[in-house]
Protein backbone atom coordinates (compact mmCIF):
# COMPACT_ATOMS: atom_id res chain seq x y z
CA MET A 1 -93.00 -20.62 37.22
CA ALA A 2 -94.62 -17.29 38.13
CA ARG A 3 -93.59 -17.79 41.78
CA GLY A 4 -89.93 -18.29 40.76
CA LYS A 5 -90.01 -15.19 38.59
CA ARG A 6 -91.43 -13.08 41.41
CA ARG A 7 -88.70 -14.37 43.74
CA LYS A 8 -85.96 -13.43 41.27
CA LEU A 9 -87.42 -9.92 40.87
CA LYS A 10 -87.50 -9.49 44.66
CA LEU A 11 -83.86 -10.53 44.98
CA LEU A 12 -82.93 -8.13 42.15
CA ALA A 13 -84.78 -5.25 43.84
CA GLU A 14 -83.03 -5.92 47.13
CA THR A 15 -79.68 -5.97 45.36
CA VAL A 16 -80.36 -2.62 43.63
CA THR A 17 -81.58 -1.03 46.88
CA GLY A 18 -78.50 -2.28 48.66
CA ASP A 19 -76.22 -0.85 45.98
CA GLU A 20 -77.96 2.55 46.19
CA THR A 21 -77.63 2.55 49.95
CA THR A 22 -73.93 1.69 49.69
CA ALA A 23 -73.42 4.42 47.06
CA ALA A 24 -75.18 6.98 49.27
CA GLU A 25 -73.06 5.99 52.25
CA ASP A 26 -69.90 6.21 50.16
CA GLY A 27 -70.93 9.68 48.94
CA ASN A 28 -71.61 10.90 52.45
CA GLU A 29 -68.28 9.52 53.56
CA ARG A 30 -66.49 11.33 50.76
CA LEU A 31 -68.26 14.59 51.68
CA GLU A 32 -67.23 14.17 55.29
CA LEU A 33 -63.60 13.62 54.23
CA GLN A 34 -63.49 16.88 52.15
CA THR A 35 -61.77 19.86 53.82
CA TRP A 36 -61.14 23.53 53.04
CA SER A 37 -57.93 22.49 51.33
CA ASP A 38 -60.02 20.67 48.69
CA LEU A 39 -61.59 23.88 47.35
CA PRO A 40 -61.22 24.26 43.57
CA VAL A 41 -58.34 26.46 42.47
CA GLU A 42 -60.75 28.85 40.73
CA LEU A 43 -62.63 29.41 43.99
CA LEU A 44 -59.39 29.88 45.92
CA ASP A 45 -58.29 32.49 43.38
CA LEU A 46 -61.57 34.35 43.82
CA ILE A 47 -61.38 34.30 47.62
CA MET A 48 -57.72 35.22 47.98
CA SER A 49 -57.81 37.97 45.36
CA GLY A 50 -59.95 39.97 47.81
CA LEU A 51 -57.64 39.51 50.79
CA PRO A 52 -55.26 42.25 52.00
CA PRO A 53 -51.55 41.33 52.03
CA GLY A 54 -51.48 40.39 55.72
CA ASP A 55 -54.41 37.96 55.40
CA ASN A 56 -52.88 36.60 52.20
CA ILE A 57 -49.73 35.69 54.11
CA ARG A 58 -51.72 34.05 56.93
CA ALA A 59 -53.82 32.07 54.43
CA SER A 60 -50.67 30.83 52.69
CA VAL A 61 -49.67 28.71 55.72
CA VAL A 62 -52.92 26.68 55.80
CA CYS A 63 -51.68 24.04 53.36
CA LYS A 64 -49.56 23.58 50.24
CA ARG A 65 -52.44 24.27 47.81
CA TRP A 66 -53.39 27.49 49.60
CA HIS A 67 -49.75 28.55 49.74
CA LYS A 68 -49.32 28.10 45.99
CA VAL A 69 -52.40 30.18 45.14
CA ALA A 70 -51.60 32.87 47.73
CA VAL A 71 -48.02 33.33 46.57
CA SER A 72 -49.03 33.48 42.90
CA LEU A 73 -51.55 36.24 43.62
CA ARG A 74 -49.08 38.04 45.85
CA ALA A 75 -46.62 38.11 42.97
CA LEU A 76 -49.15 39.35 40.43
CA TYR A 77 -50.88 41.95 42.58
CA GLN A 78 -48.18 43.86 44.44
CA SER A 79 -48.67 47.61 44.57
CA PRO A 80 -45.76 50.05 44.23
CA TRP A 81 -44.22 51.42 47.41
CA LEU A 82 -43.44 55.04 48.12
CA MET A 83 -39.74 55.67 48.70
CA TYR A 84 -38.71 58.75 50.71
CA PHE A 85 -35.14 59.90 50.16
CA PRO A 86 -32.98 60.83 53.18
CA LYS A 87 -32.47 64.54 53.78
CA GLY A 88 -29.27 63.64 55.61
CA GLY A 89 -27.41 60.42 56.31
CA ASN A 90 -28.26 57.10 54.69
CA LEU A 91 -31.69 56.25 56.12
CA CYS A 92 -34.63 56.31 53.71
CA GLU A 93 -38.16 55.04 54.24
CA LEU A 94 -40.40 52.78 52.16
CA TYR A 95 -44.16 53.02 52.60
CA ASP A 96 -46.46 50.13 51.63
CA PRO A 97 -49.90 51.68 50.88
CA SER A 98 -51.71 48.33 50.88
CA GLY A 99 -50.41 47.16 54.26
CA ARG A 100 -50.05 50.72 55.61
CA LYS A 101 -46.58 50.02 56.94
CA ILE A 102 -43.27 51.91 56.87
CA TYR A 103 -39.94 50.13 56.43
CA PRO A 104 -36.72 52.08 57.21
CA LEU A 105 -33.85 51.15 54.90
CA GLU A 106 -30.15 52.06 55.03
CA LEU A 107 -28.88 53.04 51.57
CA PRO A 108 -25.42 54.67 51.65
CA GLU A 109 -25.38 54.47 47.82
CA LEU A 110 -27.80 57.43 47.73
CA ARG A 111 -25.29 59.81 49.32
CA GLY A 112 -24.21 62.42 46.81
CA SER A 113 -26.57 60.98 44.18
CA ARG A 114 -29.70 62.26 42.50
CA VAL A 115 -32.51 59.85 41.68
CA CYS A 116 -33.65 60.32 38.07
CA TYR A 117 -36.16 57.54 37.36
CA THR A 118 -37.45 54.16 38.52
CA LYS A 119 -38.91 51.11 36.79
CA ASP A 120 -39.19 47.38 37.54
CA GLY A 121 -37.78 47.90 41.04
CA TRP A 122 -34.57 49.67 39.87
CA LEU A 123 -33.43 53.25 40.48
CA LEU A 124 -31.45 55.26 37.94
CA LEU A 125 -29.06 57.56 39.79
CA TYR A 126 -26.69 60.36 38.81
CA ARG A 127 -23.73 61.78 40.75
CA PRO A 128 -23.06 65.36 39.59
CA ARG A 129 -19.63 65.39 41.26
CA ASN A 130 -18.11 63.00 38.72
CA ASN A 131 -20.95 62.60 36.16
CA SER A 132 -21.35 58.92 37.03
CA VAL A 133 -24.63 57.25 36.02
CA PHE A 134 -25.66 53.90 37.51
CA PHE A 135 -28.55 51.61 38.37
CA LEU A 136 -29.32 50.55 41.94
CA ASN A 137 -31.74 47.90 43.18
CA PRO A 138 -32.46 49.11 46.74
CA PHE A 139 -33.86 45.72 47.78
CA THR A 140 -30.88 43.59 46.69
CA ARG A 141 -28.20 46.34 46.71
CA GLU A 142 -27.12 45.28 43.22
CA MET A 143 -25.49 48.04 41.16
CA ILE A 144 -24.95 48.31 37.39
CA SER A 145 -22.74 51.12 36.06
CA LEU A 146 -23.15 53.08 32.84
CA PRO A 147 -20.57 55.23 31.04
CA ASN A 148 -20.13 58.69 32.58
CA PHE A 149 -22.52 61.25 31.15
CA GLN A 150 -23.53 64.78 32.10
CA LEU A 151 -27.22 64.87 33.05
CA THR A 152 -28.15 68.52 33.52
CA ALA A 153 -31.58 69.52 32.23
CA GLN A 154 -32.66 66.36 30.45
CA GLY A 155 -35.79 64.34 30.62
CA VAL A 156 -34.57 60.85 31.59
CA ALA A 157 -36.11 57.35 31.54
CA PHE A 158 -35.27 53.71 30.82
CA SER A 159 -37.31 51.02 29.11
CA CYS A 160 -37.04 48.03 31.50
CA ALA A 161 -34.86 46.47 34.18
CA PRO A 162 -31.12 46.81 33.39
CA THR A 163 -30.72 43.05 33.78
CA SER A 164 -32.65 42.67 30.51
CA THR A 165 -30.92 42.78 27.13
CA ASP A 166 -33.75 45.08 25.96
CA CYS A 167 -32.92 47.82 28.47
CA VAL A 168 -32.28 51.27 26.96
CA VAL A 169 -31.56 54.47 28.88
CA PHE A 170 -32.99 57.54 27.17
CA THR A 171 -32.32 61.27 27.65
CA LEU A 172 -33.66 64.27 25.75
CA THR A 173 -32.69 67.97 25.61
CA GLN A 174 -33.81 70.82 23.39
CA ASP A 175 -31.58 71.78 20.46
CA GLY A 176 -32.88 75.08 19.16
CA PRO A 177 -36.53 75.95 18.43
CA LEU A 178 -37.11 73.01 16.07
CA GLY A 179 -34.81 70.26 17.23
CA VAL A 180 -33.91 67.95 20.11
CA THR A 181 -30.78 66.04 21.12
CA ILE A 182 -31.39 62.42 22.13
CA SER A 183 -28.82 60.25 23.89
CA THR A 184 -29.21 56.52 24.49
CA CYS A 185 -27.17 53.81 26.15
CA HIS A 186 -27.52 50.07 26.77
CA PRO A 187 -26.07 48.58 29.98
CA GLY A 188 -22.72 47.10 29.09
CA GLU A 189 -21.89 49.62 26.37
CA SER A 190 -18.73 51.71 26.69
CA GLU A 191 -20.24 55.02 25.54
CA TRP A 192 -23.49 56.89 24.91
CA THR A 193 -24.95 57.42 21.44
CA THR A 194 -26.00 61.04 20.85
CA VAL A 195 -27.94 62.21 17.78
CA ASP A 196 -29.60 65.54 16.89
CA HIS A 197 -33.15 65.18 15.55
CA PRO A 198 -35.22 67.86 13.76
CA SER A 199 -38.80 68.56 14.82
CA ARG A 200 -41.47 69.71 12.39
CA LEU A 201 -43.48 71.06 15.31
CA PRO A 202 -42.02 73.05 18.24
CA PHE A 203 -41.12 70.98 21.28
CA VAL A 204 -40.07 72.98 24.34
CA SER A 205 -37.91 70.60 26.38
CA SER A 206 -36.69 71.05 29.93
CA PHE A 207 -35.95 69.13 33.11
CA TRP A 208 -39.70 69.13 33.78
CA ASP A 209 -40.50 66.89 30.79
CA LYS A 210 -42.38 63.67 31.48
CA VAL A 211 -41.05 60.53 29.78
CA VAL A 212 -42.68 57.09 29.66
CA PHE A 213 -41.85 53.94 27.68
CA CYS A 214 -44.83 52.37 25.87
CA ASN A 215 -45.15 49.96 22.90
CA GLY A 216 -41.48 50.12 21.98
CA ALA A 217 -41.22 53.92 22.05
CA PHE A 218 -40.43 56.73 24.50
CA TYR A 219 -43.27 59.24 24.82
CA CYS A 220 -42.17 62.69 25.98
CA LEU A 221 -44.53 65.38 27.26
CA SER A 222 -43.06 68.85 26.76
CA LEU A 223 -43.33 71.80 29.10
CA THR A 224 -46.34 73.15 27.18
CA GLY A 225 -48.15 69.84 26.67
CA TRP A 226 -46.96 68.68 23.24
CA VAL A 227 -46.01 65.01 22.78
CA GLY A 228 -42.84 63.80 21.08
CA VAL A 229 -42.21 60.12 20.33
CA TYR A 230 -38.86 58.39 19.89
CA TYR A 231 -39.29 55.03 18.14
CA LEU A 232 -36.55 52.66 19.28
CA PRO A 233 -36.56 50.18 16.37
CA THR A 234 -36.05 52.91 13.75
CA GLN A 235 -34.44 55.54 16.03
CA TYR A 236 -36.90 58.07 14.63
CA TRP A 237 -38.15 61.18 16.44
CA LYS A 238 -41.54 62.77 15.76
CA VAL A 239 -43.70 65.41 17.44
CA LEU A 240 -47.33 64.30 17.21
CA ALA A 241 -49.94 66.63 15.78
CA VAL A 242 -51.93 66.31 19.00
CA SER A 243 -53.06 69.54 20.61
CA PRO A 244 -52.21 69.82 24.31
CA PRO A 245 -55.03 68.73 26.63
CA ARG A 246 -57.07 71.18 28.65
CA PHE A 247 -55.16 72.36 31.68
CA PRO A 248 -56.96 73.16 34.94
CA ASP A 249 -57.66 76.85 35.50
CA ASN A 250 -54.59 78.80 36.62
CA PHE A 251 -52.46 75.66 36.25
CA PHE A 252 -49.47 77.42 34.72
CA ALA A 253 -49.73 80.35 37.12
CA LYS A 254 -48.84 78.18 40.15
CA HIS A 255 -48.15 74.62 39.05
CA TRP A 256 -46.44 74.81 35.66
CA TRP A 257 -43.79 72.33 36.80
CA LYS A 258 -45.74 70.47 39.49
CA GLY A 259 -48.92 68.42 39.42
CA LYS A 260 -48.26 66.99 35.95
CA TYR A 261 -47.74 63.23 35.59
CA MET A 262 -47.63 60.62 32.86
CA THR A 263 -47.62 56.81 32.98
CA GLU A 264 -48.47 53.74 30.91
CA ASN A 265 -51.07 51.04 31.38
CA ASN A 266 -51.84 48.13 29.04
CA GLY A 267 -50.34 49.90 26.03
CA ASN A 268 -52.03 53.24 26.73
CA VAL A 269 -50.37 56.51 27.71
CA LEU A 270 -52.18 58.18 30.61
CA LEU A 271 -51.75 61.78 31.70
CA ILE A 272 -52.97 63.55 34.84
CA PHE A 273 -53.12 67.19 35.87
CA ALA A 274 -53.74 68.16 39.48
CA SER A 275 -54.06 71.57 41.11
CA ASN A 276 -55.26 73.10 44.34
CA SER A 277 -58.29 74.76 42.77
CA GLU A 278 -59.78 71.82 40.81
CA ASN A 279 -60.15 68.07 41.04
CA PRO A 280 -57.52 66.07 39.11
CA VAL A 281 -58.16 65.52 35.40
CA VAL A 282 -57.05 62.26 33.72
CA TYR A 283 -56.49 61.86 29.96
CA LYS A 284 -55.66 58.97 27.63
CA LEU A 285 -53.72 59.52 24.42
CA ASP A 286 -55.80 58.37 21.45
CA ARG A 287 -53.27 57.74 18.69
CA SER A 288 -55.87 56.96 16.03
CA ALA A 289 -57.89 60.14 16.60
CA LEU A 290 -54.80 62.22 17.44
CA GLU A 291 -56.28 63.70 20.58
CA TRP A 292 -56.29 63.48 24.36
CA LYS A 293 -59.53 61.98 25.66
CA GLU A 294 -60.64 62.86 29.17
CA LEU A 295 -61.46 59.80 31.29
CA VAL A 296 -64.33 59.62 33.76
CA THR A 297 -63.21 56.16 34.91
CA LEU A 298 -59.95 54.20 34.93
CA HIS A 299 -61.79 50.88 34.48
CA GLY A 300 -60.30 49.39 37.63
CA VAL A 301 -56.81 50.83 37.16
CA THR A 302 -55.00 52.66 39.97
CA MET A 303 -52.36 55.29 39.21
CA PHE A 304 -49.40 55.94 41.52
CA VAL A 305 -47.96 59.33 40.58
CA SER A 306 -44.79 61.15 41.55
CA PHE A 307 -42.76 63.86 39.89
CA LEU A 308 -39.83 61.69 38.76
CA SER A 309 -41.84 58.70 37.49
CA SER A 310 -45.32 57.20 37.84
CA HIS A 311 -46.82 53.70 37.77
CA SER A 312 -50.19 51.97 37.39
CA GLY A 313 -51.77 48.67 38.36
CA ILE A 314 -55.08 46.81 38.48
CA GLY A 315 -56.63 44.40 40.98
CA LEU A 316 -54.24 45.38 43.80
CA PRO A 317 -55.22 44.06 47.27
CA GLY A 318 -55.74 46.81 49.82
CA ILE A 319 -55.71 49.48 47.07
CA THR A 320 -58.74 51.45 45.88
CA ALA A 321 -59.47 50.97 42.19
CA ASN A 322 -60.28 53.90 39.85
CA SER A 323 -58.09 56.13 41.99
CA VAL A 324 -54.92 58.20 41.85
CA TYR A 325 -52.43 57.76 44.70
CA PHE A 326 -50.21 60.76 45.41
CA PRO A 327 -46.76 60.75 47.06
CA LYS A 328 -47.94 61.97 50.45
CA VAL A 329 -48.78 60.02 53.64
CA ARG A 330 -50.93 61.37 56.47
CA PHE A 331 -51.82 60.33 60.03
CA PHE A 332 -48.43 58.79 60.90
CA GLY A 333 -48.49 56.31 58.03
CA LYS A 334 -52.13 55.29 58.27
CA ARG A 335 -53.33 56.79 55.00
CA CYS A 336 -51.83 57.73 51.65
CA ILE A 337 -53.56 60.68 49.98
CA SER A 338 -55.60 59.52 47.00
CA TYR A 339 -58.31 60.81 44.72
CA SER A 340 -61.28 58.62 43.72
CA LEU A 341 -62.71 59.10 40.23
CA ASP A 342 -65.82 57.19 41.40
CA ASP A 343 -66.52 59.50 44.34
CA TYR A 344 -65.07 62.75 42.90
CA ARG A 345 -63.17 63.45 46.12
CA TYR A 346 -59.90 63.08 47.95
CA TYR A 347 -59.20 60.54 50.70
CA PRO A 348 -58.70 61.05 53.64
CA ARG A 349 -61.38 63.69 53.92
CA ASN A 350 -60.23 67.31 53.72
CA GLN A 351 -56.70 66.25 52.72
CA GLN A 352 -56.49 67.71 49.22
CA TYR A 353 -52.90 67.73 48.07
CA ASN A 354 -51.20 71.12 48.39
CA TRP A 355 -48.82 71.24 45.44
CA SER A 356 -47.24 74.59 46.28
CA GLU A 357 -45.90 73.35 49.63
CA GLU A 358 -44.47 69.96 48.59
CA ASP A 359 -40.97 69.04 47.44
CA PRO A 360 -41.36 66.98 44.22
CA PHE A 361 -37.88 65.49 44.61
CA GLU A 362 -38.32 64.00 48.09
CA SER A 363 -39.99 60.73 47.04
CA ILE A 364 -40.72 58.31 44.21
CA TRP A 365 -42.93 55.24 43.69
CA ILE A 366 -40.97 52.02 43.21
CA GLN A 367 -42.06 48.44 42.47
CA PRO A 368 -40.88 46.04 45.22
CA PRO A 369 -39.82 42.44 44.48
CA GLN A 370 -42.63 39.93 44.18
CA ASP A 371 -41.57 37.93 47.24
CA LEU A 372 -40.66 40.87 49.47
CA LEU A 373 -43.76 40.67 51.68
CA THR A 374 -43.10 36.98 52.29
CA ASP A 375 -39.48 37.69 53.23
CA LEU A 376 -40.46 40.53 55.54
CA ASP A 377 -43.08 38.38 57.23
CA SER A 378 -40.59 35.58 57.83
CA GLY A 379 -37.54 37.80 58.37
CA VAL A 380 -35.51 35.81 55.85
CA GLY A 381 -32.55 37.33 54.06
CA LEU A 382 -33.09 41.00 54.90
CA GLY A 383 -30.70 41.53 57.78
CA PRO A 384 -30.54 44.48 60.19
CA ARG A 385 -30.64 47.10 57.39
CA PHE A 386 -34.35 46.42 56.80
CA SER A 387 -36.74 46.73 59.75
CA GLN A 388 -40.46 47.34 60.10
CA MET A 389 -42.76 49.81 61.81
CA GLU A 390 -46.40 48.80 61.71
CA PHE A 391 -49.43 51.04 62.09
CA ALA A 392 -53.04 50.09 62.73
CA PRO A 393 -55.42 50.55 59.79
CA SER A 394 -57.19 53.90 59.75
CA THR A 395 -60.95 54.18 60.03
CA GLU A 396 -60.99 57.58 58.33
CA VAL A 397 -63.54 57.84 55.50
């Protein structure tokens, strides 16, 4: 009886050992069959978010899973490009600061036109000869016309892409010491709506005003630093009781109409002053405290500033965070001038921006389409009007 029991236990032990051995072999076999394409999506996101655009494109051809992750990140994290307007003819240039490449582009639509503003990849243009106002997408060549309107000394902006039903074009001019004239128009309307609004506080308006759309309202920075807000839902105008921020020393003596920029990020209005004599100063508008708060960090945000309109972004491949990118390229396209709030200095070294020598109307930052880098890499759908000149990355520090 005992002998039979011991024999059964031995057979049971052998069976268990055999099962464990088989399980171990199966596990090893599964490990051997795993490849780089089996990486979890979360890990792929982490890896590819740190890749520059060129490596992102190369990684996207490894397999279908890698392609899906790479393209999604490419769409989310595409930095603005700097667009240089032609001084003659139709040829302009687009500079990609992340890939450090220049793309010449033929745009005959720019001839005789003045660029007023850009947002969501669209340009707002004005032709003084016949007072025509229209949108242009330089990447698709699509045009959307607005009713004729005389844009002389106005601050001008629009809320979103003109293909959206929410798009509103906004202009502002001064109407006496305590009043402004605001004109608005939706794409598809037959005429502009113009209304005079009183101001309880003085608002000195001019062509040099900065206008940005944020949280359903247009924020306007006057010549002397006061902020006016036009609330779209109620069509109400108000000058905020917010004292102007501190200007750099001698700012108005040399740079009263240059070196002043405003943009929006995550529902916040950001303002920057830059001069030759001091490092740039960045402020955030605190609506609750009714004051401008100076920022020592942008918390990962990068600002792309130009005279006509400015942009911001976060987590952009090939772009330095906590920095301000200016509309000037050095070393034959290798480096865009930027200022780091972390390092308290300009990059490249000894390339501080000289505001008094630059033409503020020669360039503007514009957001390219999400799939543009993919199309350029494959050469699909762009034709002879869009070519590429590539430069090696700079080692300047």
